[in-house]
């Protein structure tokens, strides 16, 4: 039997049932002073990444979600998380807003082994104050830099890419939705700011196999 979770808010997350050692914060954050963000979303990382998977076949909150990994000749096949180039990379806010949810304390998985209790592992949800909430999942335990109610700017570090939750290898799961609690949310398209896609500028949605980076 797992020990009870120290809950730091009234929020109950059905999509992520944190167990022992997981600290949950949010989304009871006051964001009254933050103006709605009307711009688009930047890519939430630096450098060149590849779209490993899309979730466009789903109909739930993840219907516009994407999974991304660092674009590298060897994406990683070892038995340690550090064998994967994505592991430890900075994940940043895709736009300004207020942190609605921050979950930390979920242990990293051994590559190839899925955590069946924590869907998103360590993750952050940013409220853009316009009806859109961005979710960044599978961060390394102990690296979440933000807390609920904290304003963030576009490009501000949220945590480090990891392999926590329902994940078999280090990668970033990124989605936009209309509610801070994923199990209650409907999906929203990611409205991308112009970025480099396979060597050309684009604002099109990400597709599997695309190599992408911030426009230079």
Protein backbone atom coordinates (compact mmCIF):
# COMPACT_ATOMS: atom_id res chain seq x y z
CA UNK A 1 0.00 0.00 0.00
CA UNK A 2 1.40 3.35 -1.01
CA UNK A 3 1.87 6.06 1.58
CA UNK A 4 -0.50 9.04 1.32
CA UNK A 5 0.44 11.99 -0.83
CA UNK A 6 1.27 15.30 0.88
CA UNK A 7 -1.23 17.47 -1.00
CA UNK A 8 -0.43 21.17 -0.99
CA UNK A 9 -3.66 22.30 -2.61
CA UNK A 10 -7.28 21.31 -2.99
CA UNK A 11 -6.72 20.05 -6.52
CA UNK A 12 -7.26 16.36 -7.22
CA UNK A 13 -5.68 15.20 -10.46
CA UNK A 14 -7.34 12.05 -11.77
CA UNK A 15 -5.04 11.95 -14.78
CA UNK A 16 -1.98 11.96 -12.54
CA UNK A 17 -2.33 10.16 -9.24
CA UNK A 18 0.84 11.16 -7.42
CA UNK A 19 2.13 8.61 -4.95
CA UNK A 20 4.61 8.85 -2.12
CA UNK A 21 6.99 11.76 -2.44
CA UNK A 22 5.07 13.61 -5.15
CA UNK A 23 4.25 17.21 -4.31
CA UNK A 24 1.28 18.79 -6.09
CA UNK A 25 0.82 22.54 -6.28
CA UNK A 26 -2.07 24.43 -7.94
CA UNK A 27 -4.16 25.44 -9.70
CA UNK A 28 -5.63 27.86 -7.15
CA UNK A 29 -3.34 30.63 -8.38
CA UNK A 30 -4.44 34.23 -8.55
CA UNK A 31 -3.60 35.66 -11.96
CA UNK A 32 -5.83 38.73 -11.85
CA UNK A 33 -2.95 41.08 -12.60
CA UNK A 34 -1.79 39.20 -15.70
CA UNK A 35 -3.25 40.33 -19.03
CA UNK A 36 -4.46 37.67 -21.48
CA UNK A 37 -1.77 36.56 -23.94
CA UNK A 38 -3.00 36.94 -27.49
CA UNK A 39 0.12 35.78 -29.34
CA UNK A 40 1.23 32.36 -30.53
CA UNK A 41 3.28 29.60 -28.94
CA UNK A 42 7.04 29.30 -29.33
CA UNK A 43 8.73 25.93 -29.30
CA UNK A 44 9.39 25.09 -25.63
CA UNK A 45 13.08 24.23 -25.99
CA UNK A 46 16.35 25.39 -27.48
CA UNK A 47 18.25 23.72 -30.29
CA UNK A 48 17.09 21.19 -32.86
CA UNK A 49 14.42 18.65 -31.87
CA UNK A 50 12.44 16.02 -33.76
CA UNK A 51 8.75 15.18 -33.56
CA UNK A 52 8.81 11.63 -32.27
CA UNK A 53 5.06 11.15 -32.17
CA UNK A 54 1.78 13.01 -32.57
CA UNK A 55 -1.49 12.28 -30.78
CA UNK A 56 -3.75 13.53 -33.56
CA UNK A 57 -5.66 10.25 -33.67
CA UNK A 58 -7.03 10.83 -30.16
CA UNK A 59 -10.21 12.69 -29.18
CA UNK A 60 -9.39 13.59 -25.57
CA UNK A 61 -7.32 16.45 -24.15
CA UNK A 62 -4.26 15.14 -26.03
CA UNK A 63 -5.79 15.38 -29.52
CA UNK A 64 -3.31 18.10 -30.57
CA UNK A 65 -0.40 16.90 -28.40
CA UNK A 66 3.08 16.06 -29.63
CA UNK A 67 6.05 14.16 -28.22
CA UNK A 68 9.48 15.56 -29.03
CA UNK A 69 13.08 14.41 -28.65
CA UNK A 70 16.42 16.04 -29.36
CA UNK A 71 17.41 15.50 -32.98
CA UNK A 72 20.58 13.46 -32.75
CA UNK A 73 22.24 10.69 -34.81
CA UNK A 74 21.80 8.35 -31.86
CA UNK A 75 18.47 9.09 -30.11
CA UNK A 76 19.47 6.78 -27.28
CA UNK A 77 19.05 3.06 -26.70
CA UNK A 78 20.92 2.49 -23.47
CA UNK A 79 19.75 1.34 -20.09
CA UNK A 80 20.32 4.71 -18.39
CA UNK A 81 18.33 7.90 -18.84
CA UNK A 82 21.54 9.82 -19.46
CA UNK A 83 22.07 7.70 -22.59
CA UNK A 84 19.25 9.70 -24.23
CA UNK A 85 20.22 13.13 -25.64
CA UNK A 86 16.88 14.68 -24.59
CA UNK A 87 17.51 13.91 -20.93
CA UNK A 88 18.36 17.02 -18.95
CA UNK A 89 17.55 19.51 -21.70
CA UNK A 90 15.88 22.78 -20.66
CA UNK A 91 12.12 23.01 -21.17
CA UNK A 92 10.80 26.56 -21.31
CA UNK A 93 7.44 28.32 -21.32
CA UNK A 94 5.86 28.54 -24.77
CA UNK A 95 4.29 31.88 -23.90
CA UNK A 96 3.75 34.22 -20.97
CA UNK A 97 1.26 33.33 -18.26
CA UNK A 98 0.82 32.14 -14.71
CA UNK A 99 1.72 28.66 -13.47
CA UNK A 100 -1.56 26.86 -12.74
CA UNK A 101 -0.16 23.44 -11.80
CA UNK A 102 3.32 22.21 -10.90
CA UNK A 103 3.99 18.58 -9.99
CA UNK A 104 7.39 17.40 -8.79
CA UNK A 105 8.74 14.41 -6.89
CA UNK A 106 7.74 11.61 -9.28
CA UNK A 107 10.82 9.40 -9.80
CA UNK A 108 12.35 8.95 -13.24
CA UNK A 109 11.62 5.63 -14.90
CA UNK A 110 14.18 3.10 -15.99
CA UNK A 111 14.14 3.35 -19.82
CA UNK A 112 11.55 0.97 -21.22
CA UNK A 113 9.58 0.74 -17.96
CA UNK A 114 6.35 2.77 -17.68
CA UNK A 115 5.00 4.28 -14.47
CA UNK A 116 1.34 3.24 -14.44
CA UNK A 117 0.32 5.56 -11.62
CA UNK A 118 1.50 8.94 -12.91
CA UNK A 119 0.31 9.75 -16.41
CA UNK A 120 2.34 12.93 -16.85
CA UNK A 121 5.03 12.35 -14.26
CA UNK A 122 6.51 15.67 -13.19
CA UNK A 123 4.76 18.39 -15.16
CA UNK A 124 3.82 22.05 -15.39
CA UNK A 125 0.66 23.72 -16.68
CA UNK A 126 0.84 27.39 -17.68
CA UNK A 127 -2.35 29.48 -17.83
CA UNK A 128 -2.02 32.01 -20.66
CA UNK A 129 -5.08 33.91 -19.39
CA UNK A 130 -6.83 33.53 -22.74
CA UNK A 131 -8.59 30.19 -22.23
CA UNK A 132 -5.47 28.24 -23.21
CA UNK A 133 -3.37 26.14 -20.85
CA UNK A 134 -0.06 24.61 -21.97
CA UNK A 135 1.13 21.35 -20.41
CA UNK A 136 4.76 20.18 -20.35
CA UNK A 137 5.16 16.60 -19.11
CA UNK A 138 7.76 13.97 -18.09
CA UNK A 139 10.23 16.36 -16.43
CA UNK A 140 13.10 15.14 -14.24
CA UNK A 141 12.23 14.87 -10.58
CA UNK A 142 13.61 17.75 -8.55
CA UNK A 143 14.07 20.06 -11.56
CA UNK A 144 10.70 21.83 -11.67
CA UNK A 145 11.69 25.50 -11.27
CA UNK A 146 8.26 27.07 -10.83
CA UNK A 147 5.33 27.00 -8.41
CA UNK A 148 1.61 27.66 -8.72
CA UNK A 149 0.74 31.34 -8.93
CA UNK A 150 4.15 32.29 -10.28
CA UNK A 151 4.11 34.50 -13.41
CA UNK A 152 6.37 33.25 -16.20
CA UNK A 153 7.65 34.88 -19.36
CA UNK A 154 8.01 33.31 -22.76
CA UNK A 155 11.22 31.28 -22.78
CA UNK A 156 11.52 31.04 -18.99
CA UNK A 157 12.80 27.69 -17.77
CA UNK A 158 10.17 25.40 -16.26
CA UNK A 159 12.23 22.25 -15.69
CA UNK A 160 14.43 19.67 -17.40
CA UNK A 161 13.32 17.04 -19.91
CA UNK A 162 13.10 13.62 -18.31
CA UNK A 163 11.47 10.22 -18.28
CA UNK A 164 8.85 10.34 -15.52
CA UNK A 165 5.26 9.17 -15.71
CA UNK A 166 3.79 7.20 -18.62
CA UNK A 167 7.03 7.29 -20.60
CA UNK A 168 9.56 4.77 -21.85
CA UNK A 169 12.36 7.21 -22.69
CA UNK A 170 13.34 10.82 -22.16
CA UNK A 171 11.10 13.11 -24.18
CA UNK A 172 8.82 16.13 -23.89
CA UNK A 173 5.05 15.75 -24.10
CA UNK A 174 3.54 19.12 -25.04
CA UNK A 175 -0.10 20.02 -25.43
CA UNK A 176 -2.51 22.95 -25.22
CA UNK A 177 -5.97 22.57 -23.65
CA UNK A 178 -8.86 24.64 -22.29
CA UNK A 179 -8.62 23.70 -18.60
CA UNK A 180 -5.75 23.27 -16.11
CA UNK A 181 -6.83 19.73 -15.20
CA UNK A 182 -6.12 17.44 -18.18
CA UNK A 183 -8.87 14.94 -17.42
CA UNK A 184 -11.44 17.76 -17.54
CA UNK A 185 -9.96 19.57 -20.54
CA UNK A 186 -10.73 19.70 -24.21
CA UNK A 187 -7.84 19.96 -26.69
CA UNK A 188 -6.75 23.19 -28.32
CA UNK A 189 -4.49 23.47 -31.37
CA UNK A 190 -0.97 24.74 -30.72
CA UNK A 191 -0.91 28.15 -32.43
CA UNK A 192 2.73 28.20 -33.44
CA UNK A 193 4.85 31.28 -33.89
CA UNK A 194 6.96 31.00 -37.06
CA UNK A 195 9.66 28.37 -36.52
CA UNK A 196 12.14 26.39 -38.61
CA UNK A 197 10.63 23.15 -39.86
CA UNK A 198 12.92 20.89 -41.85
CA UNK A 199 15.04 23.90 -42.78
CA UNK A 200 12.20 26.26 -43.76
CA UNK A 201 10.08 28.78 -41.91
CA UNK A 202 6.61 27.51 -41.06
CA UNK A 203 3.60 28.05 -38.84
CA UNK A 204 2.02 24.71 -39.78
CA UNK A 205 1.24 22.13 -37.16
CA UNK A 206 3.99 19.72 -36.23
CA UNK A 207 4.06 16.34 -37.95
CA UNK A 208 5.87 13.13 -37.06
CA UNK A 209 9.48 13.19 -38.25
CA UNK A 210 9.72 16.98 -38.52
CA UNK A 211 13.04 18.46 -37.38
CA UNK A 212 12.22 21.77 -35.73
CA UNK A 213 13.87 24.66 -33.95
CA UNK A 214 13.31 28.29 -33.05
CA UNK A 215 13.48 30.54 -36.11
CA UNK A 216 16.91 32.16 -36.40
